[in-house]
Every structure is written in structure tokens, then in C-alpha cells.
Amino acid sequence: MSRVTELSVNGKSLHLDVDGEQTLLSVLRDELDLTGTKYGCGEGQCGACTVLLDGVATRSCQVTIGSVARKKVTTIEGLAKGDTLHPLQQAFLDVEAMQCAFCTSGMIMAGYALLQRKPNPSDDEIMRSLNGNVCRCGTYPRIVTAIRQGAKMLQGATK
């Protein structure tokens, strides 16, 4: 079994010693105590475990840690700057885009990946980017509103 001893997570090089066949999700949650990324279905169908790998939204329950050893992993914890939430995280709070909040980190990470590619997406583009991210409470309209508001906040921050 191959071992992974170093991983780049949220801009930090972390040292660990794990079996390369473990899922990224299990290492994030169980070894690194980054529990914002949720275990949902374990089959890559619900999106609760979405993280970014080199900027691409990825289901962490479907990826082995050995396959990400040289990639940059960004989790929901990596978006905030100290005690200041990322504008997209703040927008989710402002518009109350969550009910149970189980899907929220995955939704935010999928939205963040979209906003990195497309700073001013249409509602249709937002909905397409969330394809496969399931909200069992059905707060999709507020989630779309939050991503739209987060985009506006980000655009205001760059002016």
C-alpha cells in the first residue's frame, strides 16, 4: 500500500501518514479534523462532500488521497480569512440559504468554483453549476439568490 505523507490543504502543507487508498473525505474529516466537508451518500451523488482540487469542484468521497497528493485541496474552512467569512459564505447567511445546513458547504464550494470561472453568472448557469448538489430541504431558490449576491459582493470588493 502506498502512503501519503504530505498534502496541500487550504494553502498549507500538512504532514500526515495515511494509506493512499483512503478517500480524501475520510482524511479531511478523520485525520485533519476538517469537518465542514460532509459525508452524505458516499457515492458522489449528493454533493455534500464537495471540495476544490486545483480549483475544480470535486466529490471528495470518490477520490483517493493518493490521487491528490500533488494537488491543492480547498475546503469550506479555507474560504474564510481568519474570523472574516468569504463573501459567498456571508451571502448564504444573509439570505438564509440554508435550513438544516447539511448541504451548505458543498453548495458554497460548487458556487465558489463557478464564481472563479464566471464572476457574473446567470441564474441558469448557477443552477447548472449546482447540478448534482442535493438540498433535501429544498432551499434552491435561496441558494441561487445567495450565489448571485455573493457574486455581487465579490465584484464590489474588486472595484
N, C-alpha and C. Protein backbone atom coordinates (compact mmCIF):
# COMPACT_ATOMS: atom_id res chain seq x y z
N MET A 1 0.83 -1.19 0.00
CA MET A 1 0.00 0.00 0.00
C MET A 1 0.88 1.26 0.00
N SER A 2 0.56 2.18 -0.88
CA SER A 2 1.30 3.43 -0.89
C SER A 2 0.82 4.32 0.26
N ARG A 3 1.71 5.14 0.72
CA ARG A 3 1.41 6.04 1.83
C ARG A 3 1.50 7.47 1.33
N VAL A 4 0.65 8.34 1.84
CA VAL A 4 0.72 9.77 1.56
C VAL A 4 1.22 10.44 2.82
N THR A 5 2.26 11.24 2.67
CA THR A 5 2.86 11.87 3.85
C THR A 5 2.76 13.39 3.84
N GLU A 6 2.35 13.96 2.71
CA GLU A 6 2.23 15.41 2.64
C GLU A 6 1.05 15.76 1.75
N LEU A 7 0.34 16.80 2.16
CA LEU A 7 -0.86 17.20 1.44
C LEU A 7 -1.00 18.71 1.54
N SER A 8 -1.41 19.36 0.46
CA SER A 8 -1.65 20.81 0.47
C SER A 8 -3.14 21.05 0.66
N VAL A 9 -3.50 21.58 1.82
CA VAL A 9 -4.91 21.84 2.13
C VAL A 9 -5.05 23.27 2.61
N ASN A 10 -5.94 24.00 1.95
CA ASN A 10 -6.24 25.38 2.33
C ASN A 10 -4.99 26.25 2.41
N GLY A 11 -4.10 26.03 1.46
CA GLY A 11 -2.89 26.85 1.38
C GLY A 11 -1.77 26.44 2.31
N LYS A 12 -1.94 25.35 3.03
CA LYS A 12 -0.91 24.91 3.98
C LYS A 12 -0.43 23.53 3.58
N SER A 13 0.87 23.32 3.74
CA SER A 13 1.43 21.99 3.52
C SER A 13 1.32 21.23 4.84
N LEU A 14 0.58 20.13 4.81
CA LEU A 14 0.34 19.35 6.02
C LEU A 14 1.06 18.02 5.93
N HIS A 15 1.62 17.60 7.06
CA HIS A 15 2.32 16.32 7.12
C HIS A 15 1.43 15.31 7.82
N LEU A 16 1.30 14.14 7.21
CA LEU A 16 0.49 13.07 7.75
C LEU A 16 1.03 11.75 7.23
N ASP A 17 0.48 10.68 7.68
CA ASP A 17 0.89 9.36 7.21
C ASP A 17 -0.37 8.52 7.09
N VAL A 18 -0.91 8.45 5.86
CA VAL A 18 -2.16 7.72 5.64
C VAL A 18 -2.03 6.81 4.42
N ASP A 19 -2.85 5.79 4.41
CA ASP A 19 -2.92 4.86 3.28
C ASP A 19 -3.45 5.62 2.06
N GLY A 20 -2.76 5.53 0.95
CA GLY A 20 -3.13 6.24 -0.26
C GLY A 20 -4.48 5.86 -0.83
N GLU A 21 -5.07 4.73 -0.37
CA GLU A 21 -6.37 4.28 -0.86
C GLU A 21 -7.54 4.88 -0.07
N GLN A 22 -7.25 5.56 1.04
CA GLN A 22 -8.33 6.21 1.79
C GLN A 22 -8.94 7.31 0.94
N THR A 23 -10.21 7.61 1.17
CA THR A 23 -10.82 8.72 0.43
C THR A 23 -10.33 10.04 0.99
N LEU A 24 -10.32 11.03 0.12
CA LEU A 24 -9.99 12.38 0.55
C LEU A 24 -10.93 12.81 1.66
N LEU A 25 -12.21 12.50 1.52
CA LEU A 25 -13.20 12.87 2.54
C LEU A 25 -12.83 12.31 3.91
N SER A 26 -12.48 11.04 3.97
CA SER A 26 -12.15 10.45 5.28
C SER A 26 -10.90 11.07 5.87
N VAL A 27 -9.92 11.39 5.05
CA VAL A 27 -8.70 12.02 5.57
C VAL A 27 -9.00 13.42 6.07
N LEU A 28 -9.77 14.19 5.30
CA LEU A 28 -10.12 15.54 5.74
C LEU A 28 -10.83 15.51 7.09
N ARG A 29 -11.83 14.66 7.21
CA ARG A 29 -12.65 14.62 8.42
C ARG A 29 -11.96 13.92 9.59
N ASP A 30 -11.39 12.75 9.33
CA ASP A 30 -10.91 11.91 10.42
C ASP A 30 -9.46 12.17 10.82
N GLU A 31 -8.63 12.55 9.86
CA GLU A 31 -7.21 12.77 10.15
C GLU A 31 -6.89 14.24 10.39
N LEU A 32 -7.56 15.13 9.65
CA LEU A 32 -7.23 16.56 9.72
C LEU A 32 -8.27 17.38 10.49
N ASP A 33 -9.34 16.73 10.92
CA ASP A 33 -10.41 17.37 11.71
C ASP A 33 -11.04 18.56 10.98
N LEU A 34 -11.12 18.47 9.65
CA LEU A 34 -11.81 19.47 8.83
C LEU A 34 -13.20 18.92 8.54
N THR A 35 -14.10 19.15 9.46
CA THR A 35 -15.41 18.50 9.41
C THR A 35 -16.48 19.31 8.69
N GLY A 36 -16.12 20.43 8.09
CA GLY A 36 -17.08 21.20 7.30
C GLY A 36 -17.51 20.45 6.06
N THR A 37 -16.62 19.63 5.52
CA THR A 37 -16.95 18.78 4.38
C THR A 37 -17.74 17.60 4.91
N LYS A 38 -18.94 17.40 4.39
CA LYS A 38 -19.86 16.41 4.95
C LYS A 38 -19.86 15.09 4.20
N TYR A 39 -20.11 14.02 4.93
CA TYR A 39 -20.36 12.71 4.33
C TYR A 39 -21.86 12.64 4.10
N GLY A 40 -22.25 12.50 2.85
CA GLY A 40 -23.67 12.39 2.53
C GLY A 40 -24.00 10.98 2.09
N CYS A 41 -23.83 10.73 0.81
CA CYS A 41 -24.22 9.43 0.25
C CYS A 41 -23.05 8.47 0.11
N GLY A 42 -21.82 8.99 0.04
CA GLY A 42 -20.66 8.14 -0.16
C GLY A 42 -20.52 7.62 -1.58
N GLU A 43 -21.37 8.10 -2.47
CA GLU A 43 -21.36 7.63 -3.86
C GLU A 43 -21.18 8.76 -4.87
N GLY A 44 -20.87 9.97 -4.41
CA GLY A 44 -20.65 11.10 -5.31
C GLY A 44 -21.91 11.66 -5.92
N GLN A 45 -23.07 11.33 -5.36
CA GLN A 45 -24.34 11.74 -5.97
C GLN A 45 -24.99 12.96 -5.30
N CYS A 46 -24.62 13.27 -4.05
CA CYS A 46 -25.35 14.32 -3.34
C CYS A 46 -24.61 15.65 -3.26
N GLY A 47 -23.29 15.65 -3.39
CA GLY A 47 -22.51 16.88 -3.39
C GLY A 47 -22.16 17.44 -2.03
N ALA A 48 -22.58 16.80 -0.94
CA ALA A 48 -22.28 17.31 0.40
C ALA A 48 -20.78 17.34 0.68
N CYS A 49 -20.03 16.50 -0.01
CA CYS A 49 -18.59 16.38 0.23
C CYS A 49 -17.75 17.20 -0.75
N THR A 50 -18.37 18.13 -1.46
CA THR A 50 -17.65 18.88 -2.49
C THR A 50 -16.54 19.73 -1.91
N VAL A 51 -15.36 19.59 -2.48
CA VAL A 51 -14.19 20.42 -2.20
C VAL A 51 -13.61 20.84 -3.55
N LEU A 52 -12.61 21.68 -3.53
CA LEU A 52 -11.93 22.05 -4.76
C LEU A 52 -10.59 21.33 -4.84
N LEU A 53 -10.32 20.75 -5.99
CA LEU A 53 -9.00 20.20 -6.29
C LEU A 53 -8.43 21.03 -7.43
N ASP A 54 -7.38 21.76 -7.13
CA ASP A 54 -6.80 22.68 -8.11
C ASP A 54 -7.90 23.57 -8.73
N GLY A 55 -8.83 24.01 -7.89
CA GLY A 55 -9.88 24.93 -8.32
C GLY A 55 -11.11 24.30 -8.93
N VAL A 56 -11.14 22.98 -9.07
CA VAL A 56 -12.26 22.30 -9.69
C VAL A 56 -13.12 21.63 -8.61
N ALA A 57 -14.43 21.89 -8.64
CA ALA A 57 -15.35 21.26 -7.68
C ALA A 57 -15.30 19.75 -7.88
N THR A 58 -15.04 19.03 -6.78
CA THR A 58 -14.82 17.58 -6.83
C THR A 58 -15.49 16.92 -5.64
N ARG A 59 -16.07 15.77 -5.86
CA ARG A 59 -16.69 14.98 -4.78
C ARG A 59 -15.58 14.24 -4.04
N SER A 60 -15.29 14.65 -2.83
CA SER A 60 -14.16 14.09 -2.08
C SER A 60 -14.39 12.65 -1.62
N CYS A 61 -15.63 12.18 -1.65
CA CYS A 61 -15.89 10.79 -1.26
C CYS A 61 -15.50 9.82 -2.36
N GLN A 62 -15.24 10.33 -3.56
CA GLN A 62 -14.93 9.48 -4.71
C GLN A 62 -13.47 9.52 -5.12
N VAL A 63 -12.66 10.25 -4.38
CA VAL A 63 -11.26 10.48 -4.75
C VAL A 63 -10.35 9.88 -3.68
N THR A 64 -9.38 9.10 -4.10
CA THR A 64 -8.42 8.58 -3.12
C THR A 64 -7.40 9.65 -2.79
N ILE A 65 -6.92 9.59 -1.58
CA ILE A 65 -5.93 10.58 -1.14
C ILE A 65 -4.64 10.45 -1.94
N GLY A 66 -4.33 9.25 -2.40
CA GLY A 66 -3.14 9.05 -3.22
C GLY A 66 -3.20 9.78 -4.54
N SER A 67 -4.39 10.01 -5.06
CA SER A 67 -4.53 10.70 -6.35
C SER A 67 -4.48 12.21 -6.22
N VAL A 68 -4.47 12.74 -5.01
CA VAL A 68 -4.47 14.21 -4.83
C VAL A 68 -3.20 14.71 -4.16
N ALA A 69 -2.22 13.85 -3.99
CA ALA A 69 -1.02 14.19 -3.24
C ALA A 69 -0.32 15.44 -3.77
N ARG A 70 -0.38 15.71 -5.06
CA ARG A 70 0.32 16.86 -5.62
C ARG A 70 -0.64 17.98 -6.02
N LYS A 71 -1.88 17.90 -5.59
CA LYS A 71 -2.87 18.91 -5.95
C LYS A 71 -3.18 19.79 -4.75
N LYS A 72 -3.75 20.95 -5.03
CA LYS A 72 -4.17 21.87 -3.97
C LYS A 72 -5.63 21.59 -3.63
N VAL A 73 -5.86 21.28 -2.36
CA VAL A 73 -7.20 21.00 -1.86
C VAL A 73 -7.70 22.23 -1.13
N THR A 74 -8.92 22.65 -1.45
CA THR A 74 -9.55 23.74 -0.72
C THR A 74 -10.87 23.24 -0.17
N THR A 75 -11.05 23.40 1.14
CA THR A 75 -12.29 23.02 1.80
C THR A 75 -13.04 24.27 2.20
N ILE A 76 -14.24 24.10 2.71
CA ILE A 76 -15.05 25.22 3.18
C ILE A 76 -14.29 26.04 4.23
N GLU A 77 -13.48 25.38 5.05
CA GLU A 77 -12.71 26.08 6.07
C GLU A 77 -11.66 27.00 5.46
N GLY A 78 -11.26 26.73 4.23
CA GLY A 78 -10.22 27.52 3.58
C GLY A 78 -10.70 28.79 2.91
N LEU A 79 -12.00 29.03 2.90
CA LEU A 79 -12.51 30.24 2.23
C LEU A 79 -12.43 31.48 3.11
N ALA A 80 -12.69 31.33 4.38
CA ALA A 80 -12.67 32.47 5.30
C ALA A 80 -11.24 32.97 5.50
N LYS A 81 -11.12 34.23 5.79
CA LYS A 81 -9.82 34.82 6.14
C LYS A 81 -9.86 35.14 7.64
N GLY A 82 -9.28 34.26 8.43
CA GLY A 82 -9.35 34.44 9.88
C GLY A 82 -10.80 34.35 10.34
N ASP A 83 -11.26 35.38 11.03
CA ASP A 83 -12.64 35.40 11.52
C ASP A 83 -13.61 36.03 10.52
N THR A 84 -13.10 36.44 9.35
CA THR A 84 -13.95 37.08 8.35
C THR A 84 -14.38 36.06 7.31
N LEU A 85 -15.69 35.88 7.20
CA LEU A 85 -16.21 34.95 6.21
C LEU A 85 -15.93 35.43 4.80
N HIS A 86 -15.80 34.49 3.89
CA HIS A 86 -15.73 34.81 2.47
C HIS A 86 -17.07 35.43 2.08
N PRO A 87 -17.10 36.37 1.13
CA PRO A 87 -18.37 36.99 0.74
C PRO A 87 -19.47 35.98 0.36
N LEU A 88 -19.10 34.87 -0.23
CA LEU A 88 -20.11 33.88 -0.58
C LEU A 88 -20.68 33.21 0.68
N GLN A 89 -19.82 32.91 1.64
CA GLN A 89 -20.29 32.37 2.91
C GLN A 89 -21.23 33.37 3.59
N GLN A 90 -20.85 34.64 3.58
CA GLN A 90 -21.66 35.68 4.20
C GLN A 90 -23.01 35.81 3.50
N ALA A 91 -23.00 35.70 2.17
CA ALA A 91 -24.25 35.80 1.41
C ALA A 91 -25.19 34.67 1.78
N PHE A 92 -24.68 33.46 1.99
CA PHE A 92 -25.53 32.35 2.41
C PHE A 92 -26.20 32.65 3.74
N LEU A 93 -25.46 33.27 4.66
CA LEU A 93 -26.06 33.67 5.93
C LEU A 93 -27.07 34.79 5.75
N ASP A 94 -26.70 35.79 4.97
CA ASP A 94 -27.56 36.96 4.78
C ASP A 94 -28.93 36.62 4.21
N VAL A 95 -28.98 35.70 3.25
CA VAL A 95 -30.26 35.36 2.62
C VAL A 95 -30.88 34.10 3.22
N GLU A 96 -30.27 33.61 4.30
CA GLU A 96 -30.78 32.42 4.98
C GLU A 96 -30.98 31.27 3.99
N ALA A 97 -29.90 30.97 3.27
CA ALA A 97 -29.95 29.99 2.18
C ALA A 97 -29.87 28.55 2.68
N MET A 98 -29.93 28.37 3.97
CA MET A 98 -29.88 27.00 4.48
C MET A 98 -31.00 26.79 5.48
N GLN A 99 -31.40 25.55 5.57
CA GLN A 99 -32.38 25.18 6.58
C GLN A 99 -31.67 24.25 7.56
N CYS A 100 -31.41 23.02 7.17
CA CYS A 100 -30.66 22.12 8.06
C CYS A 100 -29.16 22.36 7.94
N ALA A 101 -28.72 22.93 6.83
CA ALA A 101 -27.33 23.31 6.54
C ALA A 101 -26.41 22.14 6.21
N PHE A 102 -26.94 20.93 6.08
CA PHE A 102 -26.08 19.79 5.78
C PHE A 102 -25.43 19.92 4.40
N CYS A 103 -26.16 20.44 3.44
CA CYS A 103 -25.64 20.57 2.07
C CYS A 103 -24.83 21.85 1.86
N THR A 104 -24.88 22.76 2.82
CA THR A 104 -24.39 24.12 2.61
C THR A 104 -22.93 24.19 2.18
N SER A 105 -22.04 23.47 2.84
CA SER A 105 -20.63 23.58 2.46
C SER A 105 -20.40 23.11 1.03
N GLY A 106 -21.08 22.05 0.63
CA GLY A 106 -20.95 21.58 -0.75
C GLY A 106 -21.51 22.58 -1.75
N MET A 107 -22.64 23.20 -1.40
CA MET A 107 -23.24 24.22 -2.26
C MET A 107 -22.32 25.41 -2.40
N ILE A 108 -21.76 25.86 -1.28
CA ILE A 108 -20.85 27.00 -1.31
C ILE A 108 -19.62 26.69 -2.15
N MET A 109 -19.05 25.50 -1.98
CA MET A 109 -17.85 25.15 -2.75
C MET A 109 -18.16 25.06 -4.23
N ALA A 110 -19.32 24.51 -4.60
CA ALA A 110 -19.70 24.46 -6.02
C ALA A 110 -19.92 25.87 -6.55
N GLY A 111 -20.56 26.73 -5.75
CA GLY A 111 -20.78 28.12 -6.15
C GLY A 111 -19.46 28.88 -6.26
N TYR A 112 -18.56 28.65 -5.33
CA TYR A 112 -17.25 29.30 -5.36
C TYR A 112 -16.49 28.92 -6.62
N ALA A 113 -16.50 27.63 -6.97
CA ALA A 113 -15.82 27.18 -8.19
C ALA A 113 -16.41 27.89 -9.41
N LEU A 114 -17.73 28.01 -9.45
CA LEU A 114 -18.37 28.72 -10.56
C LEU A 114 -17.91 30.17 -10.61
N LEU A 115 -17.92 30.86 -9.47
CA LEU A 115 -17.57 32.28 -9.46
C LEU A 115 -16.10 32.51 -9.81
N GLN A 116 -15.26 31.53 -9.61
CA GLN A 116 -13.86 31.64 -10.03
C GLN A 116 -13.75 31.63 -11.55
N ARG A 117 -14.64 30.88 -12.19
CA ARG A 117 -14.64 30.78 -13.66
C ARG A 117 -15.48 31.87 -14.30
N LYS A 118 -16.56 32.22 -13.66
CA LYS A 118 -17.56 33.12 -14.24
C LYS A 118 -18.03 34.08 -13.14
N PRO A 119 -17.42 35.26 -13.03
CA PRO A 119 -17.72 36.17 -11.92
C PRO A 119 -19.16 36.71 -11.88
N ASN A 120 -19.85 36.70 -13.02
CA ASN A 120 -21.21 37.23 -13.04
C ASN A 120 -22.14 36.24 -13.76
N PRO A 121 -22.39 35.09 -13.15
CA PRO A 121 -23.18 34.06 -13.84
C PRO A 121 -24.67 34.38 -13.85
N SER A 122 -25.35 33.84 -14.84
CA SER A 122 -26.81 33.94 -14.89
C SER A 122 -27.39 32.92 -13.91
N ASP A 123 -28.67 33.06 -13.61
CA ASP A 123 -29.32 32.09 -12.73
C ASP A 123 -29.24 30.69 -13.33
N ASP A 124 -29.38 30.59 -14.64
CA ASP A 124 -29.30 29.28 -15.30
C ASP A 124 -27.90 28.68 -15.12
N GLU A 125 -26.87 29.50 -15.25
CA GLU A 125 -25.50 29.00 -15.06
C GLU A 125 -25.28 28.57 -13.61
N ILE A 126 -25.85 29.31 -12.67
CA ILE A 126 -25.75 28.93 -11.26
C ILE A 126 -26.41 27.58 -11.04
N MET A 127 -27.62 27.42 -11.56
CA MET A 127 -28.34 26.16 -11.38
C MET A 127 -27.60 24.99 -12.02
N ARG A 128 -27.02 25.21 -13.18
CA ARG A 128 -26.24 24.14 -13.83
C ARG A 128 -25.01 23.78 -13.01
N SER A 129 -24.38 24.78 -12.40
CA SER A 129 -23.17 24.50 -11.60
C SER A 129 -23.50 23.70 -10.35
N LEU A 130 -24.74 23.78 -9.90
CA LEU A 130 -25.17 23.05 -8.71
C LEU A 130 -25.75 21.68 -9.04
N ASN A 131 -25.77 21.33 -10.31
CA ASN A 131 -26.31 20.05 -10.73
C ASN A 131 -25.59 18.93 -9.98
N GLY A 132 -26.35 18.10 -9.29
CA GLY A 132 -25.75 17.03 -8.50
C GLY A 132 -25.53 17.37 -7.05
N ASN A 133 -25.71 18.64 -6.67
CA ASN A 133 -25.68 19.02 -5.26
C ASN A 133 -27.12 19.02 -4.77
N VAL A 134 -27.41 18.14 -3.84
CA VAL A 134 -28.78 17.95 -3.39
C VAL A 134 -29.04 18.68 -2.08
N CYS A 135 -30.13 19.44 -2.06
CA CYS A 135 -30.62 20.07 -0.83
C CYS A 135 -31.93 19.37 -0.49
N ARG A 136 -31.90 18.57 0.54
CA ARG A 136 -33.10 17.83 0.90
C ARG A 136 -34.19 18.73 1.48
N CYS A 137 -33.83 19.91 1.93
CA CYS A 137 -34.82 20.85 2.46
C CYS A 137 -35.47 21.67 1.35
N GLY A 138 -34.88 21.68 0.16
CA GLY A 138 -35.47 22.37 -0.98
C GLY A 138 -35.28 23.88 -0.99
N THR A 139 -34.18 24.37 -0.45
CA THR A 139 -33.96 25.82 -0.42
C THR A 139 -33.23 26.32 -1.66
N TYR A 140 -33.41 25.65 -2.78
CA TYR A 140 -32.71 26.02 -4.01
C TYR A 140 -32.88 27.49 -4.41
N PRO A 141 -34.09 28.06 -4.35
CA PRO A 141 -34.21 29.47 -4.74
C PRO A 141 -33.33 30.39 -3.89
N ARG A 142 -33.25 30.13 -2.58
CA ARG A 142 -32.40 30.96 -1.72
C ARG A 142 -30.92 30.68 -1.98
N ILE A 143 -30.57 29.45 -2.35
CA ILE A 143 -29.18 29.12 -2.67
C ILE A 143 -28.75 29.88 -3.92
N VAL A 144 -29.60 29.91 -4.93
CA VAL A 144 -29.29 30.65 -6.16
C VAL A 144 -29.17 32.14 -5.83
N THR A 145 -30.07 32.66 -5.01
CA THR A 145 -30.00 34.07 -4.60
C THR A 145 -28.70 34.36 -3.87
N ALA A 146 -28.29 33.45 -2.99
CA ALA A 146 -27.05 33.64 -2.23
C ALA A 146 -25.84 33.68 -3.15
N ILE A 147 -25.79 32.81 -4.13
CA ILE A 147 -24.65 32.80 -5.05
C ILE A 147 -24.66 34.08 -5.89
N ARG A 148 -25.83 34.50 -6.33
CA ARG A 148 -25.93 35.76 -7.08
C ARG A 148 -25.46 36.93 -6.20
N GLN A 149 -25.90 36.97 -4.94
CA GLN A 149 -25.48 38.04 -4.03
C GLN A 149 -23.99 37.96 -3.74
N GLY A 150 -23.48 36.76 -3.55
CA GLY A 150 -22.04 36.59 -3.34
C GLY A 150 -21.24 37.11 -4.52
N ALA A 151 -21.73 36.86 -5.73
CA ALA A 151 -21.06 37.37 -6.94
C ALA A 151 -21.02 38.90 -6.91
N LYS A 152 -22.13 39.51 -6.55
CA LYS A 152 -22.18 40.99 -6.48
C LYS A 152 -21.23 41.51 -5.40
N MET A 153 -21.21 40.83 -4.27
CA MET A 153 -20.30 41.26 -3.20
C MET A 153 -18.85 41.17 -3.64
N LEU A 154 -18.51 40.09 -4.35
CA LEU A 154 -17.15 39.92 -4.84
C LEU A 154 -16.79 40.97 -5.88
N GLN A 155 -17.74 41.30 -6.74
CA GLN A 155 -17.49 42.33 -7.75
C GLN A 155 -17.28 43.69 -7.08
N GLY A 156 -18.05 43.96 -6.04
CA GLY A 156 -17.88 45.21 -5.29
C GLY A 156 -16.55 45.29 -4.59
N ALA A 157 -16.04 44.13 -4.15
CA ALA A 157 -14.76 44.08 -3.45
C ALA A 157 -13.59 44.32 -4.39
N THR A 158 -13.79 44.05 -5.69
CA THR A 158 -12.68 44.21 -6.64
C THR A 158 -12.66 45.58 -7.30
N LYS A 159 -13.67 46.37 -7.05
CA LYS A 159 -13.72 47.70 -7.68
C LYS A 159 -12.94 48.71 -6.89
